[in-house]
Amino acid sequence: MVGKRQHYVPRFLQRGFLIKREDPEKEGERTWLHRQGAPARPVGIADVGVEDWFYSRKGLPGEVTLDDVVTEFEKGFSRDVATLRDFTPGVAIEPERAAKTVVHLVMRTAHLRRTMSTGITGVIEEIGALAHAAVPGRW
């Protein structure tokens, strides 16, 4: 969903793990949250796999942010995932569909995001150190 609270575990994936309830409309969509050292507890999927401004900050009026792009892409992607869920185990899936699914989910993980951020920060710091060494006193 577009906004401050951005899901790095998309809700359409979490829906595959919903707790079966007698009255889901009254209780909402809930899944089990497991935290190390604490007992599992049911929570709403709106509160699982979410981080403030995970993909992008609030844009200017009319500006398209990365979160907007991800949200728009996943409208169709969620239907593709639902189709994959309906396949009988053991049935071959088209390689393009499988690759598209895996690549998209890997690219939106927190781990990959942190790895890229750390790598880019390291490169920038190294360039700054090299520039400082090349022209002392200027930087």
N, C-alpha and C. Protein backbone atom coordinates (compact mmCIF):
# COMPACT_ATOMS: atom_id res chain seq x y z
N MET A 1 0.85 -1.18 0.00
CA MET A 1 0.00 0.00 0.00
C MET A 1 0.89 1.24 0.00
N VAL A 2 0.53 2.24 -0.76
CA VAL A 2 1.27 3.47 -0.84
C VAL A 2 1.10 4.23 0.49
N GLY A 3 2.19 4.74 1.00
CA GLY A 3 2.14 5.51 2.24
C GLY A 3 3.35 5.24 3.11
N LYS A 4 3.30 5.71 4.33
CA LYS A 4 4.41 5.61 5.26
C LYS A 4 4.74 4.15 5.61
N ARG A 5 3.72 3.36 5.91
CA ARG A 5 3.94 1.95 6.32
C ARG A 5 4.00 1.10 5.06
N GLN A 6 5.20 0.64 4.72
CA GLN A 6 5.41 -0.10 3.49
C GLN A 6 5.83 -1.53 3.82
N HIS A 7 5.15 -2.48 3.22
CA HIS A 7 5.38 -3.91 3.51
C HIS A 7 6.54 -4.48 2.71
N TYR A 8 7.51 -5.04 3.41
CA TYR A 8 8.57 -5.77 2.72
C TYR A 8 8.21 -7.24 2.60
N VAL A 9 7.22 -7.70 3.35
CA VAL A 9 6.58 -9.00 3.11
C VAL A 9 5.17 -8.66 2.65
N PRO A 10 4.92 -8.75 1.34
CA PRO A 10 3.64 -8.28 0.81
C PRO A 10 2.45 -9.02 1.45
N ARG A 11 1.38 -8.28 1.66
CA ARG A 11 0.20 -8.87 2.28
C ARG A 11 -0.39 -9.99 1.41
N PHE A 12 -0.26 -9.89 0.09
CA PHE A 12 -0.81 -10.97 -0.74
C PHE A 12 -0.06 -12.28 -0.49
N LEU A 13 1.19 -12.23 -0.06
CA LEU A 13 1.89 -13.45 0.33
C LEU A 13 1.45 -13.92 1.71
N GLN A 14 1.28 -12.96 2.62
CA GLN A 14 0.85 -13.31 3.98
C GLN A 14 -0.52 -13.97 3.98
N ARG A 15 -1.34 -13.62 3.02
CA ARG A 15 -2.69 -14.20 2.97
C ARG A 15 -2.67 -15.71 2.78
N GLY A 16 -1.57 -16.26 2.31
CA GLY A 16 -1.44 -17.70 2.20
C GLY A 16 -1.26 -18.38 3.55
N PHE A 17 -1.08 -17.58 4.61
CA PHE A 17 -0.82 -18.12 5.94
C PHE A 17 -1.82 -17.58 6.97
N LEU A 18 -3.00 -17.18 6.51
CA LEU A 18 -4.00 -16.62 7.42
C LEU A 18 -4.51 -17.67 8.40
N ILE A 19 -4.82 -17.20 9.59
CA ILE A 19 -5.45 -18.06 10.60
C ILE A 19 -6.91 -18.21 10.19
N LYS A 20 -7.38 -19.43 10.17
CA LYS A 20 -8.79 -19.67 9.85
C LYS A 20 -9.63 -19.23 11.05
N ARG A 21 -10.55 -18.32 10.82
CA ARG A 21 -11.40 -17.77 11.89
C ARG A 21 -12.86 -18.01 11.56
N GLU A 22 -13.66 -18.04 12.61
CA GLU A 22 -15.10 -18.21 12.41
C GLU A 22 -15.70 -17.00 11.73
N ASP A 23 -15.25 -15.81 12.11
CA ASP A 23 -15.79 -14.57 11.55
C ASP A 23 -14.64 -13.67 11.10
N PRO A 24 -14.03 -13.94 9.92
CA PRO A 24 -12.87 -13.17 9.50
C PRO A 24 -13.15 -11.68 9.29
N GLU A 25 -14.39 -11.33 8.93
CA GLU A 25 -14.71 -9.92 8.74
C GLU A 25 -14.64 -9.16 10.06
N LYS A 26 -15.08 -9.79 11.13
CA LYS A 26 -15.06 -9.16 12.45
C LYS A 26 -13.64 -9.07 12.99
N GLU A 27 -12.84 -10.12 12.80
CA GLU A 27 -11.52 -10.19 13.39
C GLU A 27 -10.42 -9.72 12.45
N GLY A 28 -10.70 -9.55 11.19
CA GLY A 28 -9.69 -9.12 10.24
C GLY A 28 -8.77 -10.25 9.81
N GLU A 29 -7.85 -9.92 8.91
CA GLU A 29 -6.90 -10.91 8.41
C GLU A 29 -5.76 -11.01 9.41
N ARG A 30 -5.60 -12.21 9.99
CA ARG A 30 -4.59 -12.42 11.01
C ARG A 30 -3.72 -13.62 10.69
N THR A 31 -2.46 -13.53 11.12
CA THR A 31 -1.51 -14.61 10.95
C THR A 31 -0.72 -14.74 12.25
N TRP A 32 0.06 -15.80 12.36
CA TRP A 32 0.86 -16.01 13.56
C TRP A 32 2.18 -15.25 13.44
N LEU A 33 2.51 -14.50 14.47
CA LEU A 33 3.79 -13.80 14.55
C LEU A 33 4.69 -14.59 15.49
N HIS A 34 5.85 -14.98 15.00
CA HIS A 34 6.81 -15.74 15.79
C HIS A 34 8.03 -14.86 16.01
N ARG A 35 8.35 -14.58 17.26
CA ARG A 35 9.55 -13.82 17.63
C ARG A 35 10.40 -14.68 18.54
N GLN A 36 11.69 -14.61 18.34
CA GLN A 36 12.61 -15.40 19.15
C GLN A 36 12.43 -15.04 20.63
N GLY A 37 12.30 -16.07 21.47
CA GLY A 37 12.20 -15.88 22.90
C GLY A 37 10.82 -15.49 23.39
N ALA A 38 9.83 -15.50 22.51
CA ALA A 38 8.46 -15.14 22.90
C ALA A 38 7.50 -16.14 22.28
N PRO A 39 6.37 -16.37 22.94
CA PRO A 39 5.40 -17.29 22.34
C PRO A 39 4.76 -16.68 21.09
N ALA A 40 4.41 -17.55 20.15
CA ALA A 40 3.73 -17.08 18.93
C ALA A 40 2.40 -16.46 19.32
N ARG A 41 2.00 -15.43 18.57
CA ARG A 41 0.72 -14.78 18.85
C ARG A 41 0.08 -14.31 17.54
N PRO A 42 -1.26 -14.31 17.51
CA PRO A 42 -1.93 -13.85 16.29
C PRO A 42 -1.90 -12.32 16.18
N VAL A 43 -1.57 -11.83 15.00
CA VAL A 43 -1.56 -10.38 14.74
C VAL A 43 -2.16 -10.13 13.36
N GLY A 44 -2.63 -8.92 13.16
CA GLY A 44 -3.13 -8.52 11.85
C GLY A 44 -2.01 -8.42 10.84
N ILE A 45 -2.26 -8.84 9.60
CA ILE A 45 -1.19 -8.81 8.60
C ILE A 45 -0.76 -7.39 8.26
N ALA A 46 -1.56 -6.41 8.59
CA ALA A 46 -1.14 -5.03 8.37
C ALA A 46 0.08 -4.68 9.22
N ASP A 47 0.33 -5.46 10.29
CA ASP A 47 1.42 -5.18 11.20
C ASP A 47 2.59 -6.15 11.07
N VAL A 48 2.59 -7.00 10.06
CA VAL A 48 3.66 -7.99 9.87
C VAL A 48 4.45 -7.62 8.62
N GLY A 49 5.78 -7.65 8.74
CA GLY A 49 6.62 -7.39 7.58
C GLY A 49 6.47 -5.99 7.05
N VAL A 50 6.35 -5.03 7.96
CA VAL A 50 6.14 -3.64 7.56
C VAL A 50 7.19 -2.76 8.22
N GLU A 51 7.59 -1.73 7.50
CA GLU A 51 8.56 -0.78 8.03
C GLU A 51 8.20 0.60 7.50
N ASP A 52 8.41 1.61 8.30
CA ASP A 52 8.14 2.97 7.84
C ASP A 52 9.12 3.33 6.73
N TRP A 53 8.57 3.83 5.64
CA TRP A 53 9.34 4.34 4.51
C TRP A 53 10.39 3.34 4.03
N PHE A 54 10.01 2.08 3.86
CA PHE A 54 10.95 1.04 3.44
C PHE A 54 11.47 1.27 2.03
N TYR A 55 10.59 1.60 1.10
CA TYR A 55 10.99 1.78 -0.29
C TYR A 55 11.32 3.21 -0.65
N SER A 56 10.55 4.14 -0.16
CA SER A 56 10.76 5.53 -0.54
C SER A 56 10.08 6.46 0.46
N ARG A 57 10.58 7.66 0.51
CA ARG A 57 9.98 8.70 1.34
C ARG A 57 8.74 9.25 0.63
N LYS A 58 7.98 10.03 1.38
CA LYS A 58 6.79 10.66 0.79
C LYS A 58 7.22 11.56 -0.36
N GLY A 59 6.56 11.41 -1.48
CA GLY A 59 6.91 12.20 -2.65
C GLY A 59 6.20 13.55 -2.65
N LEU A 60 6.66 14.40 -3.53
CA LEU A 60 6.00 15.68 -3.74
C LEU A 60 4.66 15.42 -4.43
N PRO A 61 3.72 16.36 -4.37
CA PRO A 61 2.44 16.14 -5.04
C PRO A 61 2.64 15.79 -6.52
N GLY A 62 2.06 14.68 -6.93
CA GLY A 62 2.17 14.23 -8.32
C GLY A 62 3.42 13.42 -8.62
N GLU A 63 4.36 13.37 -7.70
CA GLU A 63 5.59 12.60 -7.91
C GLU A 63 5.32 11.11 -7.74
N VAL A 64 5.86 10.29 -8.63
CA VAL A 64 5.73 8.84 -8.53
C VAL A 64 6.95 8.32 -7.78
N THR A 65 6.71 7.66 -6.65
CA THR A 65 7.79 7.13 -5.83
C THR A 65 8.01 5.65 -6.14
N LEU A 66 9.11 5.10 -5.61
CA LEU A 66 9.37 3.67 -5.78
C LEU A 66 8.24 2.86 -5.16
N ASP A 67 7.73 3.28 -4.01
CA ASP A 67 6.62 2.56 -3.38
C ASP A 67 5.40 2.55 -4.29
N ASP A 68 5.12 3.64 -4.97
CA ASP A 68 4.01 3.69 -5.93
C ASP A 68 4.21 2.66 -7.05
N VAL A 69 5.45 2.58 -7.56
CA VAL A 69 5.76 1.67 -8.66
C VAL A 69 5.60 0.22 -8.20
N VAL A 70 6.15 -0.11 -7.01
CA VAL A 70 6.05 -1.47 -6.49
C VAL A 70 4.58 -1.84 -6.28
N THR A 71 3.82 -0.93 -5.68
CA THR A 71 2.40 -1.18 -5.42
C THR A 71 1.65 -1.45 -6.72
N GLU A 72 1.89 -0.65 -7.73
CA GLU A 72 1.20 -0.83 -9.01
C GLU A 72 1.59 -2.15 -9.67
N PHE A 73 2.88 -2.48 -9.66
CA PHE A 73 3.33 -3.73 -10.25
C PHE A 73 2.69 -4.93 -9.55
N GLU A 74 2.60 -4.85 -8.23
CA GLU A 74 2.13 -6.01 -7.47
C GLU A 74 0.63 -6.24 -7.56
N LYS A 75 -0.10 -5.32 -8.12
CA LYS A 75 -1.53 -5.58 -8.36
C LYS A 75 -1.68 -6.78 -9.29
N GLY A 76 -0.93 -6.79 -10.37
CA GLY A 76 -0.98 -7.93 -11.30
C GLY A 76 -0.17 -9.11 -10.79
N PHE A 77 0.93 -8.82 -10.15
CA PHE A 77 1.81 -9.87 -9.64
C PHE A 77 1.09 -10.73 -8.60
N SER A 78 0.26 -10.12 -7.78
CA SER A 78 -0.46 -10.88 -6.75
C SER A 78 -1.41 -11.89 -7.40
N ARG A 79 -1.97 -11.54 -8.55
CA ARG A 79 -2.82 -12.50 -9.28
C ARG A 79 -1.98 -13.66 -9.81
N ASP A 80 -0.76 -13.36 -10.27
CA ASP A 80 0.14 -14.42 -10.74
C ASP A 80 0.49 -15.38 -9.61
N VAL A 81 0.76 -14.84 -8.42
CA VAL A 81 1.09 -15.68 -7.27
C VAL A 81 -0.12 -16.54 -6.89
N ALA A 82 -1.31 -15.96 -6.94
CA ALA A 82 -2.52 -16.74 -6.63
C ALA A 82 -2.67 -17.90 -7.62
N THR A 83 -2.35 -17.67 -8.88
CA THR A 83 -2.40 -18.73 -9.88
C THR A 83 -1.39 -19.83 -9.55
N LEU A 84 -0.20 -19.44 -9.14
CA LEU A 84 0.83 -20.43 -8.76
C LEU A 84 0.37 -21.27 -7.57
N ARG A 85 -0.31 -20.64 -6.63
CA ARG A 85 -0.81 -21.38 -5.46
C ARG A 85 -1.81 -22.46 -5.87
N ASP A 86 -2.51 -22.25 -6.96
CA ASP A 86 -3.53 -23.20 -7.40
C ASP A 86 -2.96 -24.39 -8.16
N PHE A 87 -1.68 -24.33 -8.53
CA PHE A 87 -1.08 -25.46 -9.23
C PHE A 87 -1.00 -26.67 -8.30
N THR A 88 -1.20 -27.85 -8.88
CA THR A 88 -1.05 -29.10 -8.13
C THR A 88 0.44 -29.35 -7.91
N PRO A 89 0.83 -29.73 -6.70
CA PRO A 89 2.26 -30.03 -6.47
C PRO A 89 2.78 -31.04 -7.48
N GLY A 90 3.98 -30.78 -8.00
CA GLY A 90 4.59 -31.66 -8.98
C GLY A 90 4.36 -31.24 -10.41
N VAL A 91 3.41 -30.33 -10.64
CA VAL A 91 3.14 -29.86 -12.00
C VAL A 91 4.22 -28.84 -12.38
N ALA A 92 4.74 -28.97 -13.60
CA ALA A 92 5.77 -28.05 -14.08
C ALA A 92 5.17 -26.65 -14.29
N ILE A 93 5.93 -25.66 -13.89
CA ILE A 93 5.54 -24.25 -14.05
C ILE A 93 6.44 -23.66 -15.13
N GLU A 94 5.88 -22.79 -15.96
CA GLU A 94 6.67 -22.18 -17.01
C GLU A 94 7.90 -21.50 -16.38
N PRO A 95 9.09 -21.70 -16.95
CA PRO A 95 10.31 -21.13 -16.38
C PRO A 95 10.26 -19.61 -16.25
N GLU A 96 9.65 -18.93 -17.23
CA GLU A 96 9.58 -17.47 -17.17
C GLU A 96 8.76 -17.00 -15.98
N ARG A 97 7.65 -17.69 -15.72
CA ARG A 97 6.78 -17.33 -14.59
C ARG A 97 7.51 -17.56 -13.26
N ALA A 98 8.17 -18.71 -13.15
CA ALA A 98 8.91 -19.02 -11.93
C ALA A 98 10.03 -18.01 -11.70
N ALA A 99 10.78 -17.70 -12.76
CA ALA A 99 11.90 -16.75 -12.63
C ALA A 99 11.39 -15.36 -12.25
N LYS A 100 10.32 -14.90 -12.89
CA LYS A 100 9.76 -13.58 -12.58
C LYS A 100 9.35 -13.51 -11.12
N THR A 101 8.74 -14.55 -10.62
CA THR A 101 8.27 -14.58 -9.24
C THR A 101 9.44 -14.54 -8.26
N VAL A 102 10.41 -15.42 -8.47
CA VAL A 102 11.55 -15.48 -7.56
C VAL A 102 12.35 -14.18 -7.58
N VAL A 103 12.65 -13.67 -8.77
CA VAL A 103 13.45 -12.45 -8.87
C VAL A 103 12.74 -11.28 -8.19
N HIS A 104 11.45 -11.12 -8.43
CA HIS A 104 10.76 -10.00 -7.81
C HIS A 104 10.79 -10.09 -6.29
N LEU A 105 10.54 -11.26 -5.75
CA LEU A 105 10.51 -11.40 -4.29
C LEU A 105 11.90 -11.23 -3.68
N VAL A 106 12.93 -11.71 -4.34
CA VAL A 106 14.29 -11.53 -3.84
C VAL A 106 14.68 -10.05 -3.87
N MET A 107 14.35 -9.37 -4.95
CA MET A 107 14.75 -7.97 -5.10
C MET A 107 14.10 -7.05 -4.07
N ARG A 108 13.01 -7.46 -3.47
CA ARG A 108 12.34 -6.57 -2.51
C ARG A 108 12.64 -6.94 -1.06
N THR A 109 13.61 -7.83 -0.82
CA THR A 109 13.91 -8.24 0.55
C THR A 109 14.75 -7.19 1.28
N ALA A 110 14.59 -7.16 2.59
CA ALA A 110 15.35 -6.24 3.42
C ALA A 110 16.84 -6.56 3.35
N HIS A 111 17.17 -7.85 3.29
CA HIS A 111 18.58 -8.24 3.26
C HIS A 111 19.28 -7.68 2.02
N LEU A 112 18.67 -7.86 0.86
CA LEU A 112 19.29 -7.37 -0.36
C LEU A 112 19.38 -5.85 -0.32
N ARG A 113 18.34 -5.21 0.17
CA ARG A 113 18.34 -3.75 0.26
C ARG A 113 19.48 -3.26 1.15
N ARG A 114 19.67 -3.88 2.31
CA ARG A 114 20.76 -3.49 3.21
C ARG A 114 22.12 -3.77 2.58
N THR A 115 22.24 -4.91 1.89
CA THR A 115 23.50 -5.25 1.23
C THR A 115 23.86 -4.20 0.18
N MET A 116 22.90 -3.82 -0.64
CA MET A 116 23.14 -2.81 -1.67
C MET A 116 23.48 -1.46 -1.03
N SER A 117 22.75 -1.08 -0.01
CA SER A 117 23.00 0.19 0.66
C SER A 117 24.39 0.23 1.27
N THR A 118 24.78 -0.85 1.94
CA THR A 118 26.10 -0.93 2.54
C THR A 118 27.18 -0.87 1.47
N GLY A 119 26.97 -1.59 0.37
CA GLY A 119 27.94 -1.59 -0.72
C GLY A 119 28.10 -0.21 -1.35
N ILE A 120 27.01 0.46 -1.61
CA ILE A 120 27.07 1.78 -2.23
C ILE A 120 27.71 2.77 -1.27
N THR A 121 27.36 2.71 0.01
CA THR A 121 27.96 3.59 1.00
C THR A 121 29.46 3.36 1.07
N GLY A 122 29.89 2.09 1.04
CA GLY A 122 31.32 1.77 1.06
C GLY A 122 32.05 2.34 -0.14
N VAL A 123 31.44 2.23 -1.33
CA VAL A 123 32.07 2.76 -2.54
C VAL A 123 32.20 4.28 -2.43
N ILE A 124 31.16 4.95 -1.99
CA ILE A 124 31.21 6.41 -1.86
C ILE A 124 32.28 6.83 -0.86
N GLU A 125 32.36 6.13 0.28
CA GLU A 125 33.38 6.47 1.27
C GLU A 125 34.78 6.24 0.72
N GLU A 126 34.95 5.17 -0.03
CA GLU A 126 36.27 4.88 -0.62
C GLU A 126 36.65 5.93 -1.64
N ILE A 127 35.71 6.35 -2.47
CA ILE A 127 35.98 7.41 -3.45
C ILE A 127 36.38 8.70 -2.72
N GLY A 128 35.66 9.01 -1.63
CA GLY A 128 36.00 10.19 -0.85
C GLY A 128 37.40 10.11 -0.26
N ALA A 129 37.77 8.92 0.25
CA ALA A 129 39.11 8.75 0.82
C ALA A 129 40.18 8.89 -0.26
N LEU A 130 39.93 8.32 -1.45
CA LEU A 130 40.88 8.44 -2.54
C LEU A 130 41.02 9.90 -3.01
N ALA A 131 39.90 10.60 -3.08
CA ALA A 131 39.93 12.00 -3.48
C ALA A 131 40.69 12.82 -2.45
N HIS A 132 40.48 12.54 -1.18
CA HIS A 132 41.17 13.27 -0.11
C HIS A 132 42.67 13.01 -0.17
N ALA A 133 43.06 11.76 -0.44
CA ALA A 133 44.48 11.41 -0.54
C ALA A 133 45.13 12.05 -1.76
N ALA A 134 44.38 12.17 -2.86
CA ALA A 134 44.91 12.73 -4.09
C ALA A 134 45.10 14.25 -3.99
N VAL A 135 44.21 14.92 -3.29
CA VAL A 135 44.26 16.38 -3.17
C VAL A 135 44.13 16.74 -1.70
N PRO A 136 45.19 16.60 -0.90
CA PRO A 136 45.06 16.89 0.54
C PRO A 136 44.66 18.34 0.77
N GLY A 137 43.82 18.52 1.77
CA GLY A 137 43.38 19.86 2.15
C GLY A 137 42.21 20.38 1.36
N ARG A 138 41.91 19.76 0.24
CA ARG A 138 40.77 20.24 -0.57
C ARG A 138 39.46 19.64 -0.07
N TRP A 139 39.49 18.45 0.52
CA TRP A 139 38.26 17.77 0.92
C TRP A 139 38.10 17.89 2.38
